[in-house]
Amino acid sequence: MEHSRGGQSLVVGISCAFLFLGAAVIASAQGETPSRIDELKQSIAGNEDEIRKLEAEIAEYKSRLDDVGAQKKTLQSAIQTLDLARAKLKKDADLTRAKIARTSATVSILARGITEKEDRIAQNKDALKNIILKVNEADSGTLLELLLSSKSISDFFVEVEDLGRMQTSIRDHIKGLERLRGELEDVKTSTEKERKNLVGLTNQLDDQKTIADIERKSQSALLGATKNQETNYKKMLTDRETRKKQFEREIEDFEAQLRAEVDASTFPKPGTKVLAYPLENVFVTQKFGKTVDARRLYLSGTHNGADFRASPGTPVKAAGDGSVIATGDTDRACAGASYGKWVLVGHKNGLATLYAHLELIKVSQGASVEVGDLVGYSGNTGYSTGPHLHFTVFASSAMQIVDLPSKSCKGAVFHLPAAPAKGYLDPEAYL
């Protein structure tokens, strides 16, 4: 069927514009560099394999540390623990490096995706502009003019239908652009998340190097103090146990004098599970209260928190939103007598949580934290029979930070949280 010359030029013009639109999409797709993206994907796959291998090796080191920790305390087992901890920390650092490489490659792929989508949007917008201009030319004439310029009524209706299809197609392509913009925002969000993850991993690697250095110095100090003699080690353990018991008696006497009222209406009821576990992998080695181990280990016969298995350098996370009330290191006052390095976080729900025996503290007093934020890394500081995390939950209204002069360590002043017996709550009732 023949069309008028004006109708034909209109249809041809719009068709050319659509061809340009298709060419723009194809050109943007051809502008990608598949070989480079394939290389990045292969790199990620290699990183994934390395990560799985390292995670298996780290799990083996953790198992060996647990086995040694269950053995009788000897100088040999103490040195073996330090050796295994240092070897595990090296693998931890290797694992972090592999994760950094994987994340870097992921960020590169996402960045290329952003560029590709931005190019497609720009090219499609230019093509649509040309189409809209053509359609506007047609719309500038009246239907009467189009009817008069057509050779026949059938030609007129064909041209009207063509215009309708073109307008529908424009609407579809505009929706496509909106979809592309949505995809672009998603990619940008993913990229920002991965970049933050990359910063976190880089900081973690620096922390792991610091902890490895601490472990090396601890081993050197142990060998120096004992002169590599088992009898000297036994004497050191006996002296530490004596100081610990003396300090226990002092803190127990002090807390017995505290008269803080514990109002149960000011904090959540037990069983409400308002706190998150402070470790990614949870294994309770000693429960709260009057346990068999507590009767053996503490003069009071009561354990004021819960102990979790954690090899040196394990990330310790905030159990809830809040702010850091205080941090401290009792080893500075008297080595091996109390909590070692500790962090205390106050929560808005009337609870406070203590994280003790840390190797490295990563927060400072007054800092705001959200649940899951890093507060430190687990260790073996203070009085500890082996690497672990001690976790205490307080009723905030009954807890206070005290500076307690000690008779067990002459001249020492212990800076730490204290509360009357009712101020200590069972952590597992809130986890």
Protein backbone atom coordinates (compact mmCIF):
# COMPACT_ATOMS: atom_id res chain seq x y z
CA MET A 1 0.00 0.00 0.00
CA GLU A 2 1.37 3.48 -0.92
CA HIS A 3 1.68 6.37 1.60
CA SER A 4 1.81 10.10 1.04
CA ARG A 5 5.28 11.66 0.75
CA GLY A 6 4.79 13.54 4.06
CA GLY A 7 3.66 10.40 5.86
CA GLN A 8 6.51 8.41 4.41
CA SER A 9 9.11 10.97 5.53
CA LEU A 10 7.62 10.99 9.02
CA VAL A 11 7.65 7.21 9.35
CA VAL A 12 11.15 6.98 7.84
CA GLY A 13 12.43 9.68 10.20
CA ILE A 14 11.02 8.04 13.27
CA SER A 15 12.18 4.61 12.13
CA CYS A 16 15.70 5.99 11.71
CA ALA A 17 15.54 7.41 15.19
CA PHE A 18 14.58 3.99 16.56
CA LEU A 19 17.42 2.43 14.59
CA PHE A 20 19.74 4.96 16.25
CA LEU A 21 18.30 3.98 19.63
CA GLY A 22 19.00 0.30 18.92
CA ALA A 23 22.49 1.13 17.72
CA ALA A 24 23.15 3.12 20.89
CA VAL A 25 22.18 0.15 23.06
CA ILE A 26 24.35 -2.20 20.99
CA ALA A 27 27.28 0.23 21.03
CA SER A 28 27.08 0.58 24.81
CA ALA A 29 27.08 -3.21 25.17
CA GLN A 30 30.04 -3.53 22.78
CA GLY A 31 31.87 -0.83 24.76
CA GLU A 32 32.29 -3.24 27.68
CA THR A 33 35.53 -5.17 28.12
CA PRO A 34 34.42 -8.77 28.71
CA SER A 35 38.01 -10.06 28.87
CA ARG A 36 38.84 -7.79 31.83
CA ILE A 37 35.60 -8.66 33.60
CA ASP A 38 36.29 -12.35 33.00
CA GLU A 39 39.74 -11.89 34.52
CA LEU A 40 38.21 -10.27 37.60
CA LYS A 41 35.65 -13.07 37.93
CA GLN A 42 38.42 -15.67 37.65
CA SER A 43 40.35 -13.78 40.31
CA ILE A 44 37.31 -13.84 42.62
CA ALA A 45 36.89 -17.58 42.05
CA GLY A 46 40.55 -18.11 42.95
CA ASN A 47 40.11 -16.00 46.08
CA GLU A 48 37.06 -18.06 47.05
CA ASP A 49 39.10 -21.27 46.80
CA GLU A 50 41.90 -19.77 48.89
CA ILE A 51 39.40 -18.49 51.49
CA ARG A 52 37.83 -21.95 51.87
CA LYS A 53 41.28 -23.52 52.29
CA LEU A 54 42.39 -20.96 54.88
CA GLU A 55 39.12 -21.26 56.83
CA ALA A 56 39.67 -25.03 57.05
CA GLU A 57 43.25 -24.51 58.29
CA ILE A 58 42.10 -21.94 60.87
CA ALA A 59 39.41 -24.34 62.11
CA GLU A 60 42.13 -26.96 62.59
CA TYR A 61 44.26 -24.53 64.62
CA LYS A 62 41.23 -23.67 66.78
CA SER A 63 40.62 -27.35 67.43
CA ARG A 64 44.25 -27.88 68.42
CA LEU A 65 44.11 -24.85 70.72
CA ASP A 66 41.02 -26.30 72.40
CA ASP A 67 42.81 -29.63 72.89
CA VAL A 68 45.87 -27.98 74.42
CA GLY A 69 43.66 -25.80 76.62
CA ALA A 70 42.06 -28.91 78.08
CA GLN A 71 45.44 -30.32 79.07
CA LYS A 72 47.17 -29.87 82.40
CA LYS A 73 48.74 -26.43 82.76
CA THR A 74 52.45 -26.80 82.14
CA LEU A 75 55.13 -24.56 80.67
CA GLN A 76 55.19 -26.77 77.60
CA SER A 77 51.41 -26.46 77.08
CA ALA A 78 51.60 -22.69 77.64
CA ILE A 79 54.32 -22.33 75.00
CA GLN A 80 52.40 -24.65 72.67
CA THR A 81 49.31 -22.48 73.12
CA LEU A 82 51.28 -19.37 72.20
CA ASP A 83 52.85 -21.11 69.19
CA LEU A 84 49.46 -22.27 67.92
CA ALA A 85 47.92 -18.86 68.56
CA ARG A 86 50.66 -17.15 66.54
CA ALA A 87 50.32 -19.67 63.71
CA LYS A 88 46.54 -19.19 63.68
CA LEU A 89 46.93 -15.39 63.67
CA LYS A 90 49.19 -15.68 60.60
CA LYS A 91 46.46 -17.67 58.85
CA ASP A 92 43.89 -15.09 60.03
CA ALA A 93 45.96 -12.39 58.33
CA ASP A 94 46.28 -14.50 55.15
CA LEU A 95 42.50 -14.97 55.18
CA THR A 96 41.92 -11.24 55.54
CA ARG A 97 44.28 -10.55 52.61
CA ALA A 98 42.35 -13.03 50.46
CA LYS A 99 39.08 -11.33 51.42
CA ILE A 100 40.59 -7.93 50.59
CA ALA A 101 41.59 -9.21 47.13
CA ARG A 102 38.12 -10.68 46.56
CA THR A 103 36.40 -7.48 47.68
CA SER A 104 38.70 -5.30 45.53
CA ALA A 105 37.83 -7.36 42.45
CA THR A 106 34.12 -7.17 43.32
CA VAL A 107 34.35 -3.38 43.64
CA SER A 108 36.08 -3.19 40.22
CA ILE A 109 33.29 -5.18 38.57
CA LEU A 110 30.61 -3.06 40.24
CA ALA A 111 32.39 0.16 39.21
CA ARG A 112 32.41 -1.03 35.59
CA GLY A 113 28.71 -1.80 35.91
CA ILE A 114 28.06 1.76 37.06
CA THR A 115 29.95 3.21 34.08
CA GLU A 116 28.18 0.92 31.62
CA LYS A 117 24.72 1.78 32.94
CA GLU A 118 25.48 5.51 33.01
CA ASP A 119 26.60 5.30 29.35
CA ARG A 120 23.46 3.39 28.34
CA ILE A 121 21.24 5.92 30.08
CA ALA A 122 22.99 8.86 28.36
CA GLN A 123 22.84 7.24 24.89
CA ASN A 124 19.22 6.20 25.26
CA LYS A 125 18.26 9.69 26.41
CA ASP A 126 19.83 11.19 23.26
CA ALA A 127 18.04 8.69 21.02
CA LEU A 128 14.70 9.29 22.71
CA LYS A 129 15.18 13.03 22.31
CA ASN A 130 15.43 12.56 18.53
CA ILE A 131 12.33 10.36 18.45
CA ILE A 132 10.29 12.79 20.52
CA LEU A 133 11.29 15.64 18.21
CA LYS A 134 10.02 13.63 15.20
CA VAL A 135 6.75 12.78 16.92
CA ASN A 136 6.29 16.43 17.91
CA GLU A 137 6.67 17.40 14.25
CA ALA A 138 3.82 15.09 13.40
CA ASP A 139 1.72 16.31 16.32
CA SER A 140 2.15 19.94 15.19
CA GLY A 141 -0.18 19.26 12.24
CA THR A 142 -3.87 18.64 12.71
CA LEU A 143 -5.54 15.38 11.88
CA LEU A 144 -7.41 17.26 9.15
CA GLU A 145 -4.11 18.28 7.52
CA LEU A 146 -2.88 14.68 7.74
CA LEU A 147 -6.15 13.45 6.20
CA LEU A 148 -5.95 15.97 3.35
CA SER A 149 -2.30 15.06 2.63
CA SER A 150 -3.08 11.33 2.51
CA LYS A 151 -3.87 9.69 -0.84
CA SER A 152 -6.63 7.63 0.66
CA ILE A 153 -8.60 7.08 3.84
CA SER A 154 -6.76 3.81 4.41
CA ASP A 155 -3.39 5.62 4.18
CA PHE A 156 -4.62 8.13 6.75
CA PHE A 157 -5.57 5.40 9.25
CA VAL A 158 -2.25 3.57 8.72
CA GLU A 159 -0.30 6.75 9.51
CA VAL A 160 -2.43 7.44 12.60
CA GLU A 161 -1.78 3.87 13.79
CA ASP A 162 1.95 4.30 13.13
CA LEU A 163 2.00 7.42 15.31
CA GLY A 164 0.13 5.59 18.07
CA ARG A 165 2.62 2.73 18.01
CA MET A 166 5.52 5.17 18.10
CA GLN A 167 4.10 6.96 21.14
CA THR A 168 3.53 3.64 22.91
CA SER A 169 7.09 2.64 22.12
CA ILE A 170 8.40 5.92 23.57
CA ARG A 171 6.53 5.27 26.81
CA ASP A 172 8.03 1.76 26.95
CA HIS A 173 11.54 3.11 26.41
CA ILE A 174 11.05 5.75 29.11
CA LYS A 175 10.04 2.96 31.49
CA GLY A 176 13.20 1.14 30.43
CA LEU A 177 15.26 4.18 31.31
CA GLU A 178 13.60 4.35 34.71
CA ARG A 179 14.45 0.66 35.23
CA LEU A 180 18.08 1.34 34.28
CA ARG A 181 18.22 4.20 36.78
CA GLY A 182 16.88 1.88 39.48
CA GLU A 183 19.49 -0.74 38.61
CA LEU A 184 22.17 1.95 38.71
CA GLU A 185 21.15 2.99 42.22
CA ASP A 186 21.25 -0.67 43.34
CA VAL A 187 24.74 -1.11 41.92
CA LYS A 188 25.91 2.12 43.58
CA THR A 189 24.53 0.92 46.92
CA SER A 190 26.26 -2.45 46.54
CA THR A 191 29.50 -0.73 45.59
CA GLU A 192 29.39 1.54 48.64
CA LYS A 193 28.74 -1.47 50.88
CA GLU A 194 31.70 -3.36 49.39
CA ARG A 195 33.96 -0.30 49.74
CA LYS A 196 33.08 -0.04 53.44
CA ASN A 197 33.72 -3.76 53.77
CA LEU A 198 37.11 -3.24 52.14
CA VAL A 199 38.03 -0.51 54.64
CA GLY A 200 36.94 -2.77 57.51
CA LEU A 201 39.05 -5.67 56.22
CA THR A 202 42.08 -3.43 55.80
CA ASN A 203 41.72 -2.19 59.39
CA GLN A 204 41.27 -5.78 60.57
CA LEU A 205 44.52 -6.79 58.88
CA ASP A 206 46.35 -4.01 60.74
CA ASP A 207 44.79 -5.22 64.01
CA GLN A 208 45.85 -8.81 63.33
CA LYS A 209 49.44 -7.68 62.82
CA THR A 210 49.28 -5.83 66.16
CA ILE A 211 47.86 -8.87 67.96
CA ALA A 212 50.51 -11.16 66.43
CA ASP A 213 53.18 -8.80 67.79
CA ILE A 214 51.54 -8.87 71.23
CA GLU A 215 51.55 -12.68 71.19
CA ARG A 216 55.21 -12.74 70.20
CA LYS A 217 56.09 -10.42 73.09
CA SER A 218 53.98 -12.54 75.48
CA GLN A 219 55.90 -15.63 74.51
CA SER A 220 59.23 -13.86 74.97
CA ALA A 221 58.09 -12.55 78.37
CA LEU A 222 56.99 -16.03 79.47
CA LEU A 223 60.27 -17.63 78.48
CA GLY A 224 62.19 -14.80 80.15
CA ALA A 225 60.21 -15.00 83.39
CA THR A 226 60.48 -18.79 83.68
CA LYS A 227 63.95 -19.16 82.16
CA ASN A 228 62.30 -22.02 80.28
CA GLN A 229 62.08 -24.05 83.49
CA GLU A 230 58.92 -25.94 84.48
CA THR A 231 59.52 -25.34 88.21
CA ASN A 232 59.69 -21.59 87.64
CA TYR A 233 56.45 -21.75 85.66
CA LYS A 234 54.69 -23.65 88.45
CA LYS A 235 55.83 -21.04 90.95
CA MET A 236 54.56 -18.26 88.67
CA LEU A 237 51.14 -19.97 88.43
CA THR A 238 51.00 -20.40 92.22
CA ASP A 239 51.84 -16.74 92.81
CA ARG A 240 49.23 -15.64 90.29
CA GLU A 241 46.58 -17.89 91.86
CA THR A 242 47.38 -16.45 95.30
CA ARG A 243 47.07 -12.84 94.05
CA LYS A 244 43.83 -13.69 92.27
CA LYS A 245 42.26 -15.18 95.41
CA GLN A 246 43.37 -12.23 97.53
CA PHE A 247 41.88 -9.78 95.07
CA GLU A 248 38.69 -11.85 94.84
CA ARG A 249 38.28 -11.52 98.58
CA GLU A 250 38.88 -7.78 98.38
CA ILE A 251 36.32 -7.21 95.60
CA GLU A 252 33.81 -9.53 97.29
CA ASP A 253 34.12 -7.60 100.57
CA PHE A 254 33.79 -4.29 98.69
CA GLU A 255 30.71 -5.37 96.71
CA ALA A 256 29.07 -6.72 99.86
CA GLN A 257 29.10 -3.16 101.21
CA LEU A 258 27.39 -1.70 98.16
CA ARG A 259 23.82 -0.75 98.94
CA ALA A 260 22.52 -0.04 95.45
CA GLU A 261 18.88 -1.02 95.00
CA VAL A 262 18.14 -3.28 92.05
CA ASP A 263 14.77 -2.26 90.60
CA ALA A 264 13.66 -5.03 88.22
CA SER A 265 11.31 -2.62 86.46
CA THR A 266 14.28 -0.63 85.10
CA PHE A 267 15.60 -3.39 82.81
CA PRO A 268 14.13 -6.13 80.59
CA LYS A 269 12.76 -9.31 82.08
CA PRO A 270 14.90 -12.45 81.82
CA GLY A 271 14.11 -14.47 78.72
CA THR A 272 13.41 -11.43 76.54
CA LYS A 273 16.52 -12.05 74.38
CA VAL A 274 17.27 -8.36 73.88
CA LEU A 275 21.01 -8.85 73.37
CA ALA A 276 23.01 -10.40 70.53
CA TYR A 277 25.87 -12.82 71.06
CA PRO A 278 29.22 -11.00 71.15
CA LEU A 279 30.92 -13.65 69.00
CA GLU A 280 30.14 -15.01 65.56
CA ASN A 281 30.69 -18.63 66.63
CA VAL A 282 29.20 -19.37 70.04
CA PHE A 283 30.36 -22.07 72.46
CA VAL A 284 29.78 -21.52 76.19
CA THR A 285 32.60 -22.93 78.30
CA GLN A 286 31.29 -21.76 81.69
CA LYS A 287 27.82 -20.60 82.61
CA PHE A 288 26.67 -17.91 85.03
CA GLY A 289 26.08 -18.53 88.73
CA LYS A 290 26.92 -21.36 91.10
CA THR A 291 28.35 -23.88 88.65
CA VAL A 292 30.69 -26.80 89.36
CA ASP A 293 33.60 -24.88 87.84
CA ALA A 294 32.69 -21.74 89.78
CA ARG A 295 32.86 -23.62 93.07
CA ARG A 296 36.30 -24.87 92.06
CA LEU A 297 37.68 -21.63 90.62
CA TYR A 298 36.23 -18.81 92.76
CA LEU A 299 36.16 -18.17 96.50
CA SER A 300 32.53 -17.05 96.23
CA GLY A 301 31.61 -20.21 94.34
CA THR A 302 29.76 -18.02 91.87
CA HIS A 303 30.65 -16.98 88.32
CA ASN A 304 29.51 -13.40 87.59
CA GLY A 305 29.19 -13.86 83.83
CA ALA A 306 29.42 -16.37 81.01
CA ASP A 307 32.62 -17.55 79.36
CA PHE A 308 32.81 -18.19 75.61
CA ARG A 309 35.43 -20.14 73.72
CA ALA A 310 37.50 -17.69 71.69
CA SER A 311 41.05 -18.07 70.40
CA PRO A 312 43.32 -14.99 70.55
CA GLY A 313 42.39 -12.40 67.94
CA THR A 314 38.71 -13.34 67.61
CA PRO A 315 36.58 -10.23 66.86
CA VAL A 316 34.33 -9.30 69.81
CA LYS A 317 31.16 -7.39 68.94
CA ALA A 318 28.77 -5.15 70.86
CA ALA A 319 25.78 -7.10 72.12
CA GLY A 320 23.46 -4.13 71.60
CA ASP A 321 23.23 -0.45 70.68
CA GLY A 322 24.65 1.92 73.27
CA SER A 323 27.74 3.86 74.28
CA VAL A 324 31.04 2.91 75.85
CA ILE A 325 30.90 3.72 79.56
CA ALA A 326 34.56 2.89 80.20
CA THR A 327 37.53 0.74 79.22
CA GLY A 328 40.41 -0.50 81.30
CA ASP A 329 43.31 -2.89 81.83
CA THR A 330 43.69 -4.40 85.30
CA ASP A 331 47.05 -5.92 84.31
CA ARG A 332 48.51 -2.42 84.51
CA ALA A 333 47.67 -2.40 88.23
CA CYS A 334 48.48 -6.05 88.94
CA ALA A 335 49.20 -8.63 86.25
CA GLY A 336 47.02 -11.72 86.16
CA ALA A 337 44.65 -10.80 88.99
CA SER A 338 41.37 -9.76 87.34
CA TYR A 339 39.69 -8.89 84.01
CA GLY A 340 42.78 -7.82 82.09
CA LYS A 341 41.71 -5.59 79.21
CA TRP A 342 37.99 -4.85 79.37
CA VAL A 343 35.23 -2.78 77.73
CA LEU A 344 31.94 -1.77 79.35
CA VAL A 345 28.98 -0.75 77.15
CA GLY A 346 25.82 0.86 78.51
CA HIS A 347 22.53 0.17 76.72
CA LYS A 348 19.37 2.27 76.69
CA ASN A 349 17.27 -0.62 78.00
CA GLY A 350 18.82 -0.50 81.49
CA LEU A 351 21.48 -3.16 80.89
CA ALA A 352 25.26 -2.85 80.64
CA THR A 353 27.59 -5.45 79.12
CA LEU A 354 31.21 -6.20 80.00
CA TYR A 355 33.73 -7.81 77.62
CA ALA A 356 36.88 -9.01 79.41
CA HIS A 357 40.27 -10.72 78.90
CA LEU A 358 40.63 -8.87 75.59
CA GLU A 359 43.89 -8.82 73.64
CA LEU A 360 43.14 -5.52 71.93
CA ILE A 361 40.55 -2.79 72.67
CA LYS A 362 39.06 -1.00 69.63
CA VAL A 363 36.72 1.56 71.23
CA SER A 364 37.14 4.46 73.61
CA GLN A 365 35.07 5.92 76.43
CA GLY A 366 32.01 7.84 75.19
CA ALA A 367 31.98 6.22 71.74
CA SER A 368 28.58 5.22 70.33
CA VAL A 369 28.23 1.61 69.19
CA GLU A 370 25.58 -0.34 67.34
CA VAL A 371 24.84 -4.02 67.77
CA GLY A 372 27.52 -6.00 65.95
CA ASP A 373 30.14 -3.22 66.03
CA LEU A 374 33.69 -4.29 66.84
CA VAL A 375 34.68 -3.46 70.44
CA GLY A 376 37.88 -5.48 70.57
CA TYR A 377 39.60 -8.82 70.03
CA SER A 378 39.58 -11.72 72.48
CA GLY A 379 42.71 -12.78 74.29
CA ASN A 380 44.16 -14.18 77.49
CA THR A 381 44.80 -11.08 79.61
CA GLY A 382 44.11 -10.78 83.33
CA TYR A 383 43.47 -13.91 85.38
CA SER A 384 42.60 -16.46 82.74
CA THR A 385 43.11 -20.21 82.57
CA GLY A 386 43.24 -19.98 78.77
CA PRO A 387 42.15 -17.76 75.87
CA HIS A 388 38.44 -16.94 76.09
CA LEU A 389 35.90 -14.12 76.32
CA HIS A 390 34.31 -13.31 79.68
CA PHE A 391 30.91 -11.65 79.20
CA THR A 392 28.97 -10.04 82.06
CA VAL A 393 25.52 -8.43 82.03
CA PHE A 394 24.77 -5.81 84.69
CA ALA A 395 21.65 -4.02 85.81
CA SER A 396 22.96 -0.54 84.93
CA SER A 397 21.39 1.16 87.94
CA ALA A 398 23.31 -1.12 90.33
CA MET A 399 26.71 -0.99 88.57
CA GLN A 400 29.45 1.56 89.11
CA ILE A 401 33.05 2.06 87.99
CA VAL A 402 35.35 1.99 90.99
CA ASP A 403 39.02 2.66 91.73
CA LEU A 404 39.79 0.03 94.34
CA PRO A 405 43.11 0.14 96.24
CA SER A 406 44.48 -3.38 96.59
CA LYS A 407 46.30 -5.13 99.43
CA SER A 408 47.08 -8.15 97.28
CA CYS A 409 49.25 -6.01 94.99
CA LYS A 410 50.85 -3.31 97.10
CA GLY A 411 50.34 0.16 95.70
CA ALA A 412 47.96 -1.09 92.99
CA VAL A 413 44.61 0.55 92.31
CA PHE A 414 42.16 -1.52 90.29
CA HIS A 415 39.93 0.41 87.89
CA LEU A 416 36.93 -1.79 87.03
CA PRO A 417 33.12 -2.15 87.19
CA ALA A 418 31.52 -3.48 90.38
CA ALA A 419 28.00 -4.21 91.62
CA PRO A 420 26.20 -5.94 94.49
CA ALA A 421 25.37 -9.60 93.88
CA LYS A 422 21.86 -8.81 92.60
CA GLY A 423 23.33 -6.39 90.05
CA TYR A 424 24.86 -9.29 88.09
CA LEU A 425 22.41 -10.90 85.66
CA ASP A 426 22.55 -14.18 83.78
CA PRO A 427 23.79 -13.31 80.25
CA GLU A 428 22.08 -16.30 78.66
CA ALA A 429 18.72 -15.00 79.87
CA TYR A 430 19.15 -12.05 77.49
CA LEU A 431 20.97 -13.64 74.53
